[in-house]
Protein backbone atom coordinates (compact mmCIF):
# COMPACT_ATOMS: atom_id res chain seq x y z
CA MET A 1 -23.88 38.37 -1.49
CA GLN A 2 -20.64 36.48 -1.20
CA THR A 3 -18.20 35.61 -4.09
CA LEU A 4 -16.24 32.24 -3.78
CA THR A 5 -13.09 32.19 -5.64
CA LYS A 6 -11.74 28.82 -6.89
CA PRO A 7 -7.88 28.21 -5.37
CA GLN A 8 -5.21 28.02 -7.68
CA LEU A 9 -3.62 24.88 -8.32
CA VAL A 10 -0.28 24.46 -7.15
CA THR A 11 2.31 22.34 -9.19
CA PHE A 12 4.44 19.26 -7.08
CA ASP A 13 7.63 21.79 -7.35
CA GLU A 14 5.57 24.96 -5.95
CA PHE A 15 4.21 22.78 -3.44
CA ILE A 16 7.84 21.45 -2.61
CA GLN A 17 9.20 24.97 -2.29
CA TRP A 18 6.04 26.24 0.04
CA LYS A 19 6.04 23.28 2.04
CA PRO A 20 6.68 24.73 5.82
CA ASP A 21 9.20 22.32 8.59
CA LYS A 22 6.30 21.93 10.47
CA GLY A 23 3.03 20.78 10.20
CA PHE A 24 1.81 17.67 7.95
CA TYR A 25 0.83 18.93 4.30
CA GLU A 26 -0.03 16.88 1.31
CA LEU A 27 -0.71 17.96 -2.39
CA HIS A 28 -3.94 16.44 -3.67
CA ASP A 29 -4.13 16.97 -7.25
CA GLY A 30 -2.94 20.62 -7.11
CA GLU A 31 -4.80 21.43 -3.73
CA ILE A 32 -2.60 21.91 -0.44
CA VAL A 33 -4.45 19.91 2.08
CA GLU A 34 -3.61 19.96 5.84
CA MET A 35 -3.21 16.59 7.10
CA ASN A 36 -3.49 15.33 10.86
CA PRO A 37 -0.68 14.03 12.34
CA PRO A 38 -0.27 10.26 12.88
CA VAL A 39 -1.40 9.28 16.54
CA GLY A 40 -2.17 6.64 18.85
CA LYS A 41 -2.74 2.94 17.26
CA HIS A 42 -1.78 3.99 13.70
CA GLU A 43 1.60 5.51 14.87
CA ARG A 44 2.22 2.59 17.11
CA ARG A 45 1.65 0.00 14.41
CA THR A 46 3.88 1.93 11.71
CA GLY A 47 6.66 2.29 14.03
CA PHE A 48 6.76 -1.61 14.66
CA LEU A 49 6.45 -2.14 10.91
CA THR A 50 9.16 0.26 10.53
CA ILE A 51 11.28 -1.67 13.01
CA ASP A 52 10.51 -5.26 11.63
CA LEU A 53 11.41 -3.84 7.77
CA ALA A 54 14.72 -2.31 8.90
CA ILE A 55 15.98 -5.41 11.00
CA GLU A 56 14.40 -7.87 8.13
CA SER A 57 16.48 -5.86 5.27
CA ARG A 58 19.62 -5.49 7.54
CA ARG A 59 19.60 -9.17 8.03
CA LEU A 60 19.25 -9.98 4.38
CA ASN A 61 21.89 -7.62 3.54
CA LEU A 62 19.76 -5.96 1.34
CA PRO A 63 20.19 -2.36 -0.16
CA TYR A 64 17.08 -0.70 1.36
CA PHE A 65 16.52 2.44 3.70
CA ILE A 66 13.37 3.91 5.24
CA PRO A 67 13.41 7.58 5.11
CA GLU A 68 11.95 9.30 7.81
CA GLN A 69 10.73 12.26 6.01
CA ALA A 70 9.45 11.77 2.12
CA LEU A 71 6.69 12.65 -0.16
CA VAL A 72 5.53 9.88 -2.52
CA LYS A 73 4.68 11.50 -6.15
CA PRO A 74 2.50 9.58 -8.43
CA SER A 75 3.95 10.17 -12.35
CA THR A 76 0.54 11.47 -13.67
CA ARG A 77 -0.74 13.91 -11.27
CA GLU A 78 0.53 17.14 -9.61
CA SER A 79 0.16 15.30 -6.10
CA ALA A 80 2.35 14.72 -3.40
CA TYR A 81 1.70 11.97 -0.42
CA SER A 82 3.01 11.43 3.12
CA ARG A 83 3.70 7.68 3.58
CA ASP A 84 3.44 5.78 6.64
CA VAL A 85 6.33 3.58 5.73
CA PHE A 86 8.51 4.07 2.52
CA PHE A 87 11.12 1.32 1.73
CA VAL A 88 13.67 2.66 -0.62
CA ASP A 89 16.15 0.93 -3.12
CA ARG A 90 19.50 2.71 -2.40
CA PRO A 91 20.41 2.74 -5.87
CA HIS A 92 17.22 4.17 -6.98
CA GLN A 93 16.90 7.00 -4.43
CA PRO A 94 16.76 10.45 -5.70
CA SER A 95 19.82 12.66 -5.05
């Protein structure tokens, strides 16, 4: 007979402290999920989109930047999601 245990749920803060520098991980409602790295067409599309947004932002002198590594935390759940492109208003960026 095999005994299954329910994984312990992790908070956003615990996840941020734990998250290794290498690998792709997200937090889905308290559970750590290892993600596949973006590759191929998906990576090319997000790369070109990032370039286009950066050029247009600079051309219009907008106060935005695109962080290379960032996680998005929904306000109502213990989750942290990687994003393909994240466009941040500098005055509202977290410190």
